[in-house]
Amino acid sequence: MTKRGQRMLKRTVRRSRQLSAESIAKYLQTLWGLQNSITKVHSELHGMGFHGRAAATKPYITKYNAKRRMQ
């Protein structure tokens, strides 16, 4: 991938972090005409420091815990 392609990839990911590597590859192909495989996009993202993470589930605050926190 060229330096220009890397800049476009980084810009695309920063704008919308919810996209998958597959949708990013399709987006770069349709918009910019860059022919990159999904694995290449995925490895480039890892090289740039972007890693897929799922948010940890947190328990809801019960009325009892809310009252205790207010005290």
PDB file of N, CA and C in Angstrom:
ATOM      1  N   MET A   1       0.853  -1.179   0.000  1.00  0.00           N
ATOM      2  CA  MET A   1       0.000   0.000   0.000  1.00  0.00           C
ATOM      3  C   MET A   1       0.896   1.238   0.000  1.00  0.00           C
ATOM      4  N   THR A   2       0.525   2.204  -0.792  1.00  0.00           N
ATOM      5  CA  THR A   2       1.316   3.425  -0.909  1.00  0.00           C
ATOM      6  C   THR A   2       1.103   4.314   0.316  1.00  0.00           C
ATOM      7  N   LYS A   3       1.960   5.303   0.452  1.00  0.00           N
ATOM      8  CA  LYS A   3       1.829   6.267   1.550  1.00  0.00           C
ATOM      9  C   LYS A   3       0.499   7.011   1.468  1.00  0.00           C
ATOM     10  N   ARG A   4       0.099   7.342   0.242  1.00  0.00           N
ATOM     11  CA  ARG A   4      -1.177   8.045   0.050  1.00  0.00           C
ATOM     12  C   ARG A   4      -2.339   7.160   0.474  1.00  0.00           C
ATOM     13  N   GLY A   5      -2.273   5.882   0.106  1.00  0.00           N
ATOM     14  CA  GLY A   5      -3.308   4.944   0.503  1.00  0.00           C
ATOM     15  C   GLY A   5      -3.382   4.776   2.010  1.00  0.00           C
ATOM     16  N   GLN A   6      -2.220   4.771   2.663  1.00  0.00           N
ATOM     17  CA  GLN A   6      -2.198   4.677   4.124  1.00  0.00           C
ATOM     18  C   GLN A   6      -2.835   5.900   4.767  1.00  0.00           C
ATOM     19  N   ARG A   7      -2.567   7.069   4.212  1.00  0.00           N
ATOM     20  CA  ARG A   7      -3.179   8.291   4.752  1.00  0.00           C
ATOM     21  C   ARG A   7      -4.689   8.265   4.591  1.00  0.00           C
ATOM     22  N   MET A   8      -5.158   7.799   3.433  1.00  0.00           N
ATOM     23  CA  MET A   8      -6.604   7.701   3.202  1.00  0.00           C
ATOM     24  C   MET A   8      -7.240   6.687   4.151  1.00  0.00           C
ATOM     25  N   LEU A   9      -6.552   5.584   4.365  1.00  0.00           N
ATOM     26  CA  LEU A   9      -7.052   4.554   5.266  1.00  0.00           C
ATOM     27  C   LEU A   9      -7.164   5.085   6.690  1.00  0.00           C
ATOM     28  N   LYS A  10      -6.138   5.777   7.144  1.00  0.00           N
ATOM     29  CA  LYS A  10      -6.146   6.331   8.499  1.00  0.00           C
ATOM     30  C   LYS A  10      -7.255   7.373   8.654  1.00  0.00           C
ATOM     31  N   ARG A  11      -7.422   8.208   7.637  1.00  0.00           N
ATOM     32  CA  ARG A  11      -8.460   9.234   7.673  1.00  0.00           C
ATOM     33  C   ARG A  11      -9.847   8.599   7.715  1.00  0.00           C
ATOM     34  N   THR A  12     -10.040   7.545   6.943  1.00  0.00           N
ATOM     35  CA  THR A  12     -11.329   6.862   6.896  1.00  0.00           C
ATOM     36  C   THR A  12     -11.663   6.240   8.243  1.00  0.00           C
ATOM     37  N   VAL A  13     -10.682   5.615   8.870  1.00  0.00           N
ATOM     38  CA  VAL A  13     -10.920   4.959  10.154  1.00  0.00           C
ATOM     39  C   VAL A  13     -11.191   5.978  11.249  1.00  0.00           C
ATOM     40  N   ARG A  14     -10.493   7.078  11.225  1.00  0.00           N
ATOM     41  CA  ARG A  14     -10.716   8.100  12.248  1.00  0.00           C
ATOM     42  C   ARG A  14     -12.099   8.732  12.141  1.00  0.00           C
ATOM     43  N   ARG A  15     -12.623   8.830  10.924  1.00  0.00           N
ATOM     44  CA  ARG A  15     -13.953   9.412  10.742  1.00  0.00           C
ATOM     45  C   ARG A  15     -15.052   8.496  11.255  1.00  0.00           C
ATOM     46  N   SER A  16     -14.927   7.210  11.008  1.00  0.00           N
ATOM     47  CA  SER A  16     -15.966   6.272  11.434  1.00  0.00           C
ATOM     48  C   SER A  16     -15.296   5.000  11.941  1.00  0.00           C
ATOM     49  N   ARG A  17     -15.180   4.892  13.232  1.00  0.00           N
ATOM     50  CA  ARG A  17     -14.480   3.771  13.854  1.00  0.00           C
ATOM     51  C   ARG A  17     -15.294   2.488  13.897  1.00  0.00           C
ATOM     52  N   GLN A  18     -16.560   2.532  13.544  1.00  0.00           N
ATOM     53  CA  GLN A  18     -17.413   1.357  13.623  1.00  0.00           C
ATOM     54  C   GLN A  18     -17.314   0.460  12.392  1.00  0.00           C
ATOM     55  N   LEU A  19     -16.614   0.899  11.352  1.00  0.00           N
ATOM     56  CA  LEU A  19     -16.540   0.134  10.117  1.00  0.00           C
ATOM     57  C   LEU A  19     -15.627  -1.075  10.267  1.00  0.00           C
ATOM     58  N   SER A  20     -15.966  -2.147   9.561  1.00  0.00           N
ATOM     59  CA  SER A  20     -15.123  -3.335   9.552  1.00  0.00           C
ATOM     60  C   SER A  20     -14.060  -3.180   8.462  1.00  0.00           C
ATOM     61  N   ALA A  21     -13.071  -4.071   8.483  1.00  0.00           N
ATOM     62  CA  ALA A  21     -12.011  -4.027   7.478  1.00  0.00           C
ATOM     63  C   ALA A  21     -12.588  -4.270   6.083  1.00  0.00           C
ATOM     64  N   GLU A  22     -13.603  -5.117   5.997  1.00  0.00           N
ATOM     65  CA  GLU A  22     -14.223  -5.401   4.705  1.00  0.00           C
ATOM     66  C   GLU A  22     -14.920  -4.168   4.140  1.00  0.00           C
ATOM     67  N   SER A  23     -15.679  -3.478   4.978  1.00  0.00           N
ATOM     68  CA  SER A  23     -16.381  -2.286   4.489  1.00  0.00           C
ATOM     69  C   SER A  23     -15.411  -1.147   4.182  1.00  0.00           C
ATOM     70  N   ILE A  24     -14.309  -1.074   4.915  1.00  0.00           N
ATOM     71  CA  ILE A  24     -13.305  -0.048   4.622  1.00  0.00           C
ATOM     72  C   ILE A  24     -12.648  -0.328   3.281  1.00  0.00           C
ATOM     73  N   ALA A  25     -12.336  -1.605   3.004  1.00  0.00           N
ATOM     74  CA  ALA A  25     -11.723  -1.970   1.721  1.00  0.00           C
ATOM     75  C   ALA A  25     -12.662  -1.635   0.560  1.00  0.00           C
ATOM     76  N   LYS A  26     -13.959  -1.927   0.726  1.00  0.00           N
ATOM     77  CA  LYS A  26     -14.927  -1.603  -0.325  1.00  0.00           C
ATOM     78  C   LYS A  26     -15.052  -0.101  -0.512  1.00  0.00           C
ATOM     79  N   TYR A  27     -15.039   0.644   0.604  1.00  0.00           N
ATOM     80  CA  TYR A  27     -15.146   2.096   0.555  1.00  0.00           C
ATOM     81  C   TYR A  27     -13.958   2.702  -0.185  1.00  0.00           C
ATOM     82  N   LEU A  28     -12.742   2.238   0.129  1.00  0.00           N
ATOM     83  CA  LEU A  28     -11.559   2.759  -0.541  1.00  0.00           C
ATOM     84  C   LEU A  28     -11.555   2.404  -2.021  1.00  0.00           C
ATOM     85  N   GLN A  29     -12.102   1.245  -2.349  1.00  0.00           N
ATOM     86  CA  GLN A  29     -12.141   0.837  -3.747  1.00  0.00           C
ATOM     87  C   GLN A  29     -13.137   1.680  -4.543  1.00  0.00           C
ATOM     88  N   THR A  30     -14.322   1.906  -3.992  1.00  0.00           N
ATOM     89  CA  THR A  30     -15.336   2.656  -4.733  1.00  0.00           C
ATOM     90  C   THR A  30     -15.025   4.142  -4.787  1.00  0.00           C
ATOM     91  N   LEU A  31     -14.574   4.707  -3.686  1.00  0.00           N
ATOM     92  CA  LEU A  31     -14.361   6.150  -3.635  1.00  0.00           C
ATOM     93  C   LEU A  31     -13.039   6.562  -4.271  1.00  0.00           C
ATOM     94  N   TRP A  32     -11.958   5.871  -3.944  1.00  0.00           N
ATOM     95  CA  TRP A  32     -10.633   6.281  -4.383  1.00  0.00           C
ATOM     96  C   TRP A  32     -10.039   5.384  -5.462  1.00  0.00           C
ATOM     97  N   GLY A  33     -10.682   4.248  -5.738  1.00  0.00           N
ATOM     98  CA  GLY A  33     -10.164   3.357  -6.760  1.00  0.00           C
ATOM     99  C   GLY A  33      -8.966   2.536  -6.321  1.00  0.00           C
ATOM    100  N   LEU A  34      -8.759   2.399  -5.011  1.00  0.00           N
ATOM    101  CA  LEU A  34      -7.634   1.626  -4.499  1.00  0.00           C
ATOM    102  C   LEU A  34      -8.010   0.152  -4.424  1.00  0.00           C
ATOM    103  N   GLN A  35      -7.199  -0.707  -5.032  1.00  0.00           N
ATOM    104  CA  GLN A  35      -7.453  -2.139  -5.023  1.00  0.00           C
ATOM    105  C   GLN A  35      -6.644  -2.772  -3.903  1.00  0.00           C
ATOM    106  N   ASN A  36      -7.284  -3.037  -2.777  1.00  0.00           N
ATOM    107  CA  ASN A  36      -6.632  -3.662  -1.640  1.00  0.00           C
ATOM    108  C   ASN A  36      -7.492  -4.803  -1.129  1.00  0.00           C
ATOM    109  N   SER A  37      -6.838  -5.873  -0.699  1.00  0.00           N
ATOM    110  CA  SER A  37      -7.585  -6.988  -0.139  1.00  0.00           C
ATOM    111  C   SER A  37      -7.967  -6.660   1.307  1.00  0.00           C
ATOM    112  N   ILE A  38      -8.897  -7.428   1.823  1.00  0.00           N
ATOM    113  CA  ILE A  38      -9.353  -7.216   3.198  1.00  0.00           C
ATOM    114  C   ILE A  38      -8.227  -7.504   4.176  1.00  0.00           C
ATOM    115  N   THR A  39      -7.442  -8.545   3.904  1.00  0.00           N
ATOM    116  CA  THR A  39      -6.335  -8.875   4.808  1.00  0.00           C
ATOM    117  C   THR A  39      -5.264  -7.797   4.788  1.00  0.00           C
ATOM    118  N   LYS A  40      -5.031  -7.189   3.635  1.00  0.00           N
ATOM    119  CA  LYS A  40      -4.057  -6.095   3.563  1.00  0.00           C
ATOM    120  C   LYS A  40      -4.537  -4.898   4.372  1.00  0.00           C
ATOM    121  N   VAL A  41      -5.807  -4.560   4.244  1.00  0.00           N
ATOM    122  CA  VAL A  41      -6.369  -3.452   5.016  1.00  0.00           C
ATOM    123  C   VAL A  41      -6.277  -3.772   6.504  1.00  0.00           C
ATOM    124  N   HIS A  42      -6.603  -5.002   6.867  1.00  0.00           N
ATOM    125  CA  HIS A  42      -6.565  -5.426   8.268  1.00  0.00           C
ATOM    126  C   HIS A  42      -5.142  -5.329   8.834  1.00  0.00           C
ATOM    127  N   SER A  43      -4.155  -5.799   8.075  1.00  0.00           N
ATOM    128  CA  SER A  43      -2.774  -5.748   8.561  1.00  0.00           C
ATOM    129  C   SER A  43      -2.258  -4.318   8.622  1.00  0.00           C
ATOM    130  N   GLU A  44      -2.661  -3.480   7.678  1.00  0.00           N
ATOM    131  CA  GLU A  44      -2.262  -2.069   7.714  1.00  0.00           C
ATOM    132  C   GLU A  44      -2.847  -1.369   8.944  1.00  0.00           C
ATOM    133  N   LEU A  45      -4.102  -1.688   9.258  1.00  0.00           N
ATOM    134  CA  LEU A  45      -4.728  -1.086  10.437  1.00  0.00           C
ATOM    135  C   LEU A  45      -4.008  -1.506  11.710  1.00  0.00           C
ATOM    136  N   HIS A  46      -3.619  -2.764  11.794  1.00  0.00           N
ATOM    137  CA  HIS A  46      -2.872  -3.223  12.963  1.00  0.00           C
ATOM    138  C   HIS A  46      -1.509  -2.537  13.042  1.00  0.00           C
ATOM    139  N   GLY A  47      -0.882  -2.347  11.890  1.00  0.00           N
ATOM    140  CA  GLY A  47       0.401  -1.661  11.863  1.00  0.00           C
ATOM    141  C   GLY A  47       0.298  -0.206  12.294  1.00  0.00           C
ATOM    142  N   MET A  48      -0.847   0.402  12.049  1.00  0.00           N
ATOM    143  CA  MET A  48      -1.076   1.799  12.448  1.00  0.00           C
ATOM    144  C   MET A  48      -1.505   1.925  13.903  1.00  0.00           C
ATOM    145  N   GLY A  49      -1.784   0.790  14.545  1.00  0.00           N
ATOM    146  CA  GLY A  49      -2.178   0.833  15.948  1.00  0.00           C
ATOM    147  C   GLY A  49      -3.667   0.748  16.184  1.00  0.00           C
ATOM    148  N   PHE A  50      -4.445   0.468  15.146  1.00  0.00           N
ATOM    149  CA  PHE A  50      -5.889   0.312  15.296  1.00  0.00           C
ATOM    150  C   PHE A  50      -6.200  -1.162  15.509  1.00  0.00           C
ATOM    151  N   HIS A  51      -6.829  -1.464  16.619  1.00  0.00           N
ATOM    152  CA  HIS A  51      -7.193  -2.839  16.940  1.00  0.00           C
ATOM    153  C   HIS A  51      -8.664  -2.884  17.296  1.00  0.00           C
ATOM    154  N   GLY A  52      -9.347  -3.943  16.883  1.00  0.00           N
ATOM    155  CA  GLY A  52     -10.769  -4.083  17.180  1.00  0.00           C
ATOM    156  C   GLY A  52     -10.985  -4.436  18.641  1.00  0.00           C
ATOM    157  N   ARG A  53     -11.824  -3.711  19.291  1.00  0.00           N
ATOM    158  CA  ARG A  53     -12.129  -3.960  20.694  1.00  0.00           C
ATOM    159  C   ARG A  53     -13.638  -3.900  20.890  1.00  0.00           C
ATOM    160  N   ALA A  54     -14.131  -4.733  21.759  1.00  0.00           N
ATOM    161  CA  ALA A  54     -15.541  -4.682  22.143  1.00  0.00           C
ATOM    162  C   ALA A  54     -15.605  -4.040  23.521  1.00  0.00           C
ATOM    163  N   ALA A  55     -16.544  -3.157  23.712  1.00  0.00           N
ATOM    164  CA  ALA A  55     -16.686  -2.487  24.998  1.00  0.00           C
ATOM    165  C   ALA A  55     -17.109  -3.490  26.059  1.00  0.00           C
ATOM    166  N   ALA A  56     -16.560  -3.332  27.252  1.00  0.00           N
ATOM    167  CA  ALA A  56     -16.911  -4.218  28.354  1.00  0.00           C
ATOM    168  C   ALA A  56     -18.325  -3.911  28.817  1.00  0.00           C
ATOM    169  N   THR A  57     -19.071  -4.962  29.129  1.00  0.00           N
ATOM    170  CA  THR A  57     -20.423  -4.746  29.634  1.00  0.00           C
ATOM    171  C   THR A  57     -20.345  -4.402  31.107  1.00  0.00           C
ATOM    172  N   LYS A  58     -21.084  -3.418  31.496  1.00  0.00           N
ATOM    173  CA  LYS A  58     -21.063  -2.952  32.877  1.00  0.00           C
ATOM    174  C   LYS A  58     -22.439  -3.160  33.488  1.00  0.00           C
ATOM    175  N   PRO A  59     -22.482  -3.520  34.751  1.00  0.00           N
ATOM    176  CA  PRO A  59     -23.792  -3.745  35.365  1.00  0.00           C
ATOM    177  C   PRO A  59     -24.546  -2.425  35.544  1.00  0.00           C
ATOM    178  N   TYR A  60     -25.853  -2.508  35.483  1.00  0.00           N
ATOM    179  CA  TYR A  60     -26.676  -1.332  35.724  1.00  0.00           C
ATOM    180  C   TYR A  60     -26.594  -0.938  37.189  1.00  0.00           C
ATOM    181  N   ILE A  61     -26.789   0.335  37.450  1.00  0.00           N
ATOM    182  CA  ILE A  61     -26.774   0.813  38.829  1.00  0.00           C
ATOM    183  C   ILE A  61     -28.169   0.612  39.409  1.00  0.00           C
ATOM    184  N   THR A  62     -28.239  -0.150  40.485  1.00  0.00           N
ATOM    185  CA  THR A  62     -29.521  -0.389  41.128  1.00  0.00           C
ATOM    186  C   THR A  62     -29.899   0.824  41.967  1.00  0.00           C
ATOM    187  N   LYS A  63     -31.144   0.877  42.383  1.00  0.00           N
ATOM    188  CA  LYS A  63     -31.592   1.990  43.219  1.00  0.00           C
ATOM    189  C   LYS A  63     -30.824   2.016  44.528  1.00  0.00           C
ATOM    190  N   TYR A  64     -30.522   0.828  45.048  1.00  0.00           N
ATOM    191  CA  TYR A  64     -29.775   0.732  46.307  1.00  0.00           C
ATOM    192  C   TYR A  64     -28.369   1.312  46.136  1.00  0.00           C
ATOM    193  N   ASN A  65     -27.693   0.949  45.050  1.00  0.00           N
ATOM    194  CA  ASN A  65     -26.350   1.444  44.830  1.00  0.00           C
ATOM    195  C   ASN A  65     -26.355   2.953  44.532  1.00  0.00           C
ATOM    196  N   ALA A  66     -27.368   3.429  43.832  1.00  0.00           N
ATOM    197  CA  ALA A  66     -27.469   4.862  43.555  1.00  0.00           C
ATOM    198  C   ALA A  66     -27.639   5.649  44.838  1.00  0.00           C
ATOM    199  N   LYS A  67     -28.461   5.120  45.742  1.00  0.00           N
ATOM    200  CA  LYS A  67     -28.664   5.799  47.020  1.00  0.00           C
ATOM    201  C   LYS A  67     -27.354   5.830  47.820  1.00  0.00           C
ATOM    202  N   ARG A  68     -26.644   4.713  47.835  1.00  0.00           N
ATOM    203  CA  ARG A  68     -25.374   4.646  48.563  1.00  0.00           C
ATOM    204  C   ARG A  68     -24.340   5.593  47.964  1.00  0.00           C
ATOM    205  N   ARG A  69     -24.323   5.737  46.651  1.00  0.00           N
ATOM    206  CA  ARG A  69     -23.369   6.637  46.013  1.00  0.00           C
ATOM    207  C   ARG A  69     -23.675   8.100  46.339  1.00  0.00           C
ATOM    208  N   MET A  70     -24.953   8.428  46.449  1.00  0.00           N
ATOM    209  CA  MET A  70     -25.332   9.798  46.772  1.00  0.00           C
ATOM    210  C   MET A  70     -24.933  10.181  48.206  1.00  0.00           C
ATOM    211  N   GLN A  71     -24.889   9.178  49.068  1.00  0.00           N
ATOM    212  CA  GLN A  71     -24.471   9.466  50.450  1.00  0.00           C
ATOM    213  C   GLN A  71     -22.982   9.637  50.474  1.00  0.00           C
TER     214      GLN A  71
END
